[in-house]
Amino acid sequence: MEIEIVRQFTFSSSLQRMSVIVRQLGSDHFEIYTNGAPKMVASLCITDTGMD
């Protein structure tokens, strides 16, 4: 399985995070991986997904 890095967002001290978008070669499915300050990463998350 080969993984392609579609885009990299280098660490930004003002955003306190970095991210990378990847996909398996030949796939239309993308995944994003983010690393950074927990509070900043949590602020990007949807807290109410409507799943009760």
PDB file of N, CA and C in Angstrom:
ATOM      1  N   MET A   1       0.845  -1.165   0.000  1.00  0.00           N
ATOM      2  CA  MET A   1       0.000   0.000   0.000  1.00  0.00           C
ATOM      3  C   MET A   1       0.901   1.242   0.000  1.00  0.00           C
ATOM      4  N   GLU A   2       0.696   2.097  -0.987  1.00  0.00           N
ATOM      5  CA  GLU A   2       1.462   3.331  -1.075  1.00  0.00           C
ATOM      6  C   GLU A   2       0.578   4.503  -0.689  1.00  0.00           C
ATOM      7  N   ILE A   3       1.136   5.410   0.104  1.00  0.00           N
ATOM      8  CA  ILE A   3       0.415   6.581   0.574  1.00  0.00           C
ATOM      9  C   ILE A   3       1.004   7.826  -0.087  1.00  0.00           C
ATOM     10  N   GLU A   4       0.134   8.679  -0.576  1.00  0.00           N
ATOM     11  CA  GLU A   4       0.543   9.937  -1.185  1.00  0.00           C
ATOM     12  C   GLU A   4       0.239  11.082  -0.217  1.00  0.00           C
ATOM     13  N   ILE A   5       1.212  11.954   0.000  1.00  0.00           N
ATOM     14  CA  ILE A   5       0.972  13.166   0.763  1.00  0.00           C
ATOM     15  C   ILE A   5       0.408  14.190  -0.208  1.00  0.00           C
ATOM     16  N   VAL A   6      -0.843  14.563   0.002  1.00  0.00           N
ATOM     17  CA  VAL A   6      -1.519  15.499  -0.889  1.00  0.00           C
ATOM     18  C   VAL A   6      -1.121  16.932  -0.558  1.00  0.00           C
ATOM     19  N   ARG A   7      -1.091  17.245   0.747  1.00  0.00           N
ATOM     20  CA  ARG A   7      -0.723  18.599   1.176  1.00  0.00           C
ATOM     21  C   ARG A   7      -0.214  18.572   2.605  1.00  0.00           C
ATOM     22  N   GLN A   8       0.793  19.376   2.876  1.00  0.00           N
ATOM     23  CA  GLN A   8       1.326  19.512   4.225  1.00  0.00           C
ATOM     24  C   GLN A   8       1.131  20.950   4.691  1.00  0.00           C
ATOM     25  N   PHE A   9       0.696  21.084   5.912  1.00  0.00           N
ATOM     26  CA  PHE A   9       0.606  22.382   6.556  1.00  0.00           C
ATOM     27  C   PHE A   9       1.613  22.347   7.706  1.00  0.00           C
ATOM     28  N   THR A  10       2.733  23.022   7.544  1.00  0.00           N
ATOM     29  CA  THR A  10       3.779  22.982   8.549  1.00  0.00           C
ATOM     30  C   THR A  10       3.310  23.642   9.838  1.00  0.00           C
ATOM     31  N   PHE A  11       4.020  23.379  10.909  1.00  0.00           N
ATOM     32  CA  PHE A  11       3.634  23.917  12.207  1.00  0.00           C
ATOM     33  C   PHE A  11       3.579  25.431  12.161  1.00  0.00           C
ATOM     34  N   SER A  12       2.497  25.956  12.713  1.00  0.00           N
ATOM     35  CA  SER A  12       2.319  27.390  12.833  1.00  0.00           C
ATOM     36  C   SER A  12       2.175  27.716  14.310  1.00  0.00           C
ATOM     37  N   SER A  13       3.050  28.557  14.825  1.00  0.00           N
ATOM     38  CA  SER A  13       2.971  28.893  16.243  1.00  0.00           C
ATOM     39  C   SER A  13       1.699  29.673  16.559  1.00  0.00           C
ATOM     40  N   SER A  14       1.193  30.443  15.599  1.00  0.00           N
ATOM     41  CA  SER A  14      -0.036  31.195  15.860  1.00  0.00           C
ATOM     42  C   SER A  14      -1.253  30.266  15.902  1.00  0.00           C
ATOM     43  N   LEU A  15      -1.251  29.199  15.094  1.00  0.00           N
ATOM     44  CA  LEU A  15      -2.353  28.234  15.099  1.00  0.00           C
ATOM     45  C   LEU A  15      -2.118  27.107  16.096  1.00  0.00           C
ATOM     46  N   GLN A  16      -0.882  26.931  16.511  1.00  0.00           N
ATOM     47  CA  GLN A  16      -0.461  25.897  17.457  1.00  0.00           C
ATOM     48  C   GLN A  16      -0.787  24.492  16.961  1.00  0.00           C
ATOM     49  N   ARG A  17      -0.618  24.286  15.654  1.00  0.00           N
ATOM     50  CA  ARG A  17      -0.868  22.952  15.095  1.00  0.00           C
ATOM     51  C   ARG A  17      -0.187  22.808  13.743  1.00  0.00           C
ATOM     52  N   MET A  18      -0.095  21.538  13.296  1.00  0.00           N
ATOM     53  CA  MET A  18       0.356  21.200  11.947  1.00  0.00           C
ATOM     54  C   MET A  18      -0.532  20.076  11.456  1.00  0.00           C
ATOM     55  N   SER A  19      -0.662  19.969  10.135  1.00  0.00           N
ATOM     56  CA  SER A  19      -1.542  18.939   9.570  1.00  0.00           C
ATOM     57  C   SER A  19      -0.945  18.402   8.279  1.00  0.00           C
ATOM     58  N   VAL A  20      -1.409  17.213   7.919  1.00  0.00           N
ATOM     59  CA  VAL A  20      -1.038  16.613   6.636  1.00  0.00           C
ATOM     60  C   VAL A  20      -2.273  15.910   6.086  1.00  0.00           C
ATOM     61  N   ILE A  21      -2.506  16.060   4.781  1.00  0.00           N
ATOM     62  CA  ILE A  21      -3.606  15.380   4.096  1.00  0.00           C
ATOM     63  C   ILE A  21      -2.986  14.280   3.245  1.00  0.00           C
ATOM     64  N   VAL A  22      -3.487  13.052   3.394  1.00  0.00           N
ATOM     65  CA  VAL A  22      -2.938  11.904   2.673  1.00  0.00           C
ATOM     66  C   VAL A  22      -4.065  11.091   2.029  1.00  0.00           C
ATOM     67  N   ARG A  23      -3.674  10.259   1.092  1.00  0.00           N
ATOM     68  CA  ARG A  23      -4.602   9.283   0.514  1.00  0.00           C
ATOM     69  C   ARG A  23      -3.802   8.098  -0.007  1.00  0.00           C
ATOM     70  N   GLN A  24      -4.465   6.972  -0.051  1.00  0.00           N
ATOM     71  CA  GLN A  24      -3.855   5.787  -0.649  1.00  0.00           C
ATOM     72  C   GLN A  24      -3.865   5.998  -2.154  1.00  0.00           C
ATOM     73  N   LEU A  25      -2.776   5.677  -2.830  1.00  0.00           N
ATOM     74  CA  LEU A  25      -2.697   5.870  -4.277  1.00  0.00           C
ATOM     75  C   LEU A  25      -3.868   5.179  -4.971  1.00  0.00           C
ATOM     76  N   GLY A  26      -4.513   5.906  -5.866  1.00  0.00           N
ATOM     77  CA  GLY A  26      -5.641   5.364  -6.607  1.00  0.00           C
ATOM     78  C   GLY A  26      -6.974   5.497  -5.897  1.00  0.00           C
ATOM     79  N   SER A  27      -6.979   6.031  -4.707  1.00  0.00           N
ATOM     80  CA  SER A  27      -8.207   6.153  -3.920  1.00  0.00           C
ATOM     81  C   SER A  27      -8.740   7.580  -3.977  1.00  0.00           C
ATOM     82  N   ASP A  28     -10.059   7.716  -3.826  1.00  0.00           N
ATOM     83  CA  ASP A  28     -10.681   9.040  -3.725  1.00  0.00           C
ATOM     84  C   ASP A  28     -10.919   9.417  -2.273  1.00  0.00           C
ATOM     85  N   HIS A  29     -10.498   8.573  -1.339  1.00  0.00           N
ATOM     86  CA  HIS A  29     -10.692   8.787   0.102  1.00  0.00           C
ATOM     87  C   HIS A  29      -9.469   9.499   0.672  1.00  0.00           C
ATOM     88  N   PHE A  30      -9.698  10.633   1.314  1.00  0.00           N
ATOM     89  CA  PHE A  30      -8.620  11.408   1.913  1.00  0.00           C
ATOM     90  C   PHE A  30      -8.694  11.318   3.428  1.00  0.00           C
ATOM     91  N   GLU A  31      -7.553  11.398   4.071  1.00  0.00           N
ATOM     92  CA  GLU A  31      -7.480  11.440   5.530  1.00  0.00           C
ATOM     93  C   GLU A  31      -6.611  12.615   5.922  1.00  0.00           C
ATOM     94  N   ILE A  32      -6.949  13.245   7.035  1.00  0.00           N
ATOM     95  CA  ILE A  32      -6.140  14.340   7.551  1.00  0.00           C
ATOM     96  C   ILE A  32      -5.661  13.973   8.939  1.00  0.00           C
ATOM     97  N   TYR A  33      -4.393  14.234   9.180  1.00  0.00           N
ATOM     98  CA  TYR A  33      -3.792  13.995  10.485  1.00  0.00           C
ATOM     99  C   TYR A  33      -3.313  15.341  11.014  1.00  0.00           C
ATOM    100  N   THR A  34      -3.662  15.628  12.250  1.00  0.00           N
ATOM    101  CA  THR A  34      -3.320  16.903  12.873  1.00  0.00           C
ATOM    102  C   THR A  34      -2.624  16.654  14.197  1.00  0.00           C
ATOM    103  N   ASN A  35      -1.625  17.460  14.468  1.00  0.00           N
ATOM    104  CA  ASN A  35      -0.891  17.385  15.719  1.00  0.00           C
ATOM    105  C   ASN A  35      -0.741  18.802  16.247  1.00  0.00           C
ATOM    106  N   GLY A  36      -0.943  18.961  17.549  1.00  0.00           N
ATOM    107  CA  GLY A  36      -0.772  20.286  18.116  1.00  0.00           C
ATOM    108  C   GLY A  36      -1.278  20.354  19.533  1.00  0.00           C
ATOM    109  N   ALA A  37      -1.447  21.578  20.005  1.00  0.00           N
ATOM    110  CA  ALA A  37      -1.936  21.806  21.359  1.00  0.00           C
ATOM    111  C   ALA A  37      -3.345  21.221  21.484  1.00  0.00           C
ATOM    112  N   PRO A  38      -3.587  20.384  22.485  1.00  0.00           N
ATOM    113  CA  PRO A  38      -4.894  19.730  22.622  1.00  0.00           C
ATOM    114  C   PRO A  38      -6.087  20.691  22.576  1.00  0.00           C
ATOM    115  N   LYS A  39      -5.961  21.829  23.218  1.00  0.00           N
ATOM    116  CA  LYS A  39      -7.068  22.793  23.237  1.00  0.00           C
ATOM    117  C   LYS A  39      -7.362  23.318  21.826  1.00  0.00           C
ATOM    118  N   MET A  40      -6.324  23.560  21.046  1.00  0.00           N
ATOM    119  CA  MET A  40      -6.503  24.073  19.688  1.00  0.00           C
ATOM    120  C   MET A  40      -7.076  23.000  18.762  1.00  0.00           C
ATOM    121  N   VAL A  41      -6.598  21.771  18.897  1.00  0.00           N
ATOM    122  CA  VAL A  41      -7.107  20.678  18.065  1.00  0.00           C
ATOM    123  C   VAL A  41      -8.571  20.395  18.422  1.00  0.00           C
ATOM    124  N   ALA A  42      -8.896  20.409  19.709  1.00  0.00           N
ATOM    125  CA  ALA A  42     -10.276  20.173  20.147  1.00  0.00           C
ATOM    126  C   ALA A  42     -11.218  21.236  19.610  1.00  0.00           C
ATOM    127  N   SER A  43     -10.733  22.452  19.442  1.00  0.00           N
ATOM    128  CA  SER A  43     -11.590  23.528  18.935  1.00  0.00           C
ATOM    129  C   SER A  43     -12.003  23.299  17.479  1.00  0.00           C
ATOM    130  N   LEU A  44     -11.308  22.401  16.770  1.00  0.00           N
ATOM    131  CA  LEU A  44     -11.640  22.082  15.380  1.00  0.00           C
ATOM    132  C   LEU A  44     -12.700  20.986  15.272  1.00  0.00           C
ATOM    133  N   CYS A  45     -12.967  20.320  16.374  1.00  0.00           N
ATOM    134  CA  CYS A  45     -13.860  19.165  16.365  1.00  0.00           C
ATOM    135  C   CYS A  45     -15.326  19.571  16.486  1.00  0.00           C
ATOM    136  N   ILE A  46     -16.173  18.801  15.842  1.00  0.00           N
ATOM    137  CA  ILE A  46     -17.616  18.971  15.974  1.00  0.00           C
ATOM    138  C   ILE A  46     -18.039  18.232  17.237  1.00  0.00           C
ATOM    139  N   THR A  47     -18.625  18.956  18.186  1.00  0.00           N
ATOM    140  CA  THR A  47     -18.969  18.325  19.465  1.00  0.00           C
ATOM    141  C   THR A  47     -20.338  17.672  19.435  1.00  0.00           C
ATOM    142  N   ASP A  48     -21.252  18.125  18.567  1.00  0.00           N
ATOM    143  CA  ASP A  48     -22.588  17.548  18.478  1.00  0.00           C
ATOM    144  C   ASP A  48     -22.763  16.934  17.104  1.00  0.00           C
ATOM    145  N   THR A  49     -22.585  15.632  17.026  1.00  0.00           N
ATOM    146  CA  THR A  49     -22.698  14.955  15.735  1.00  0.00           C
ATOM    147  C   THR A  49     -24.114  14.470  15.457  1.00  0.00           C
ATOM    148  N   GLY A  50     -25.008  14.665  16.420  1.00  0.00           N
ATOM    149  CA  GLY A  50     -26.392  14.243  16.227  1.00  0.00           C
ATOM    150  C   GLY A  50     -26.613  12.771  16.446  1.00  0.00           C
ATOM    151  N   MET A  51     -25.610  12.075  16.940  1.00  0.00           N
ATOM    152  CA  MET A  51     -25.734  10.646  17.190  1.00  0.00           C
ATOM    153  C   MET A  51     -26.081  10.437  18.656  1.00  0.00           C
ATOM    154  N   ASP A  52     -27.338  10.104  18.927  1.00  0.00           N
ATOM    155  CA  ASP A  52     -27.798   9.901  20.305  1.00  0.00           C
ATOM    156  C   ASP A  52     -27.857   8.451  20.666  1.00  0.00           C
TER     157      ASP A  52
END
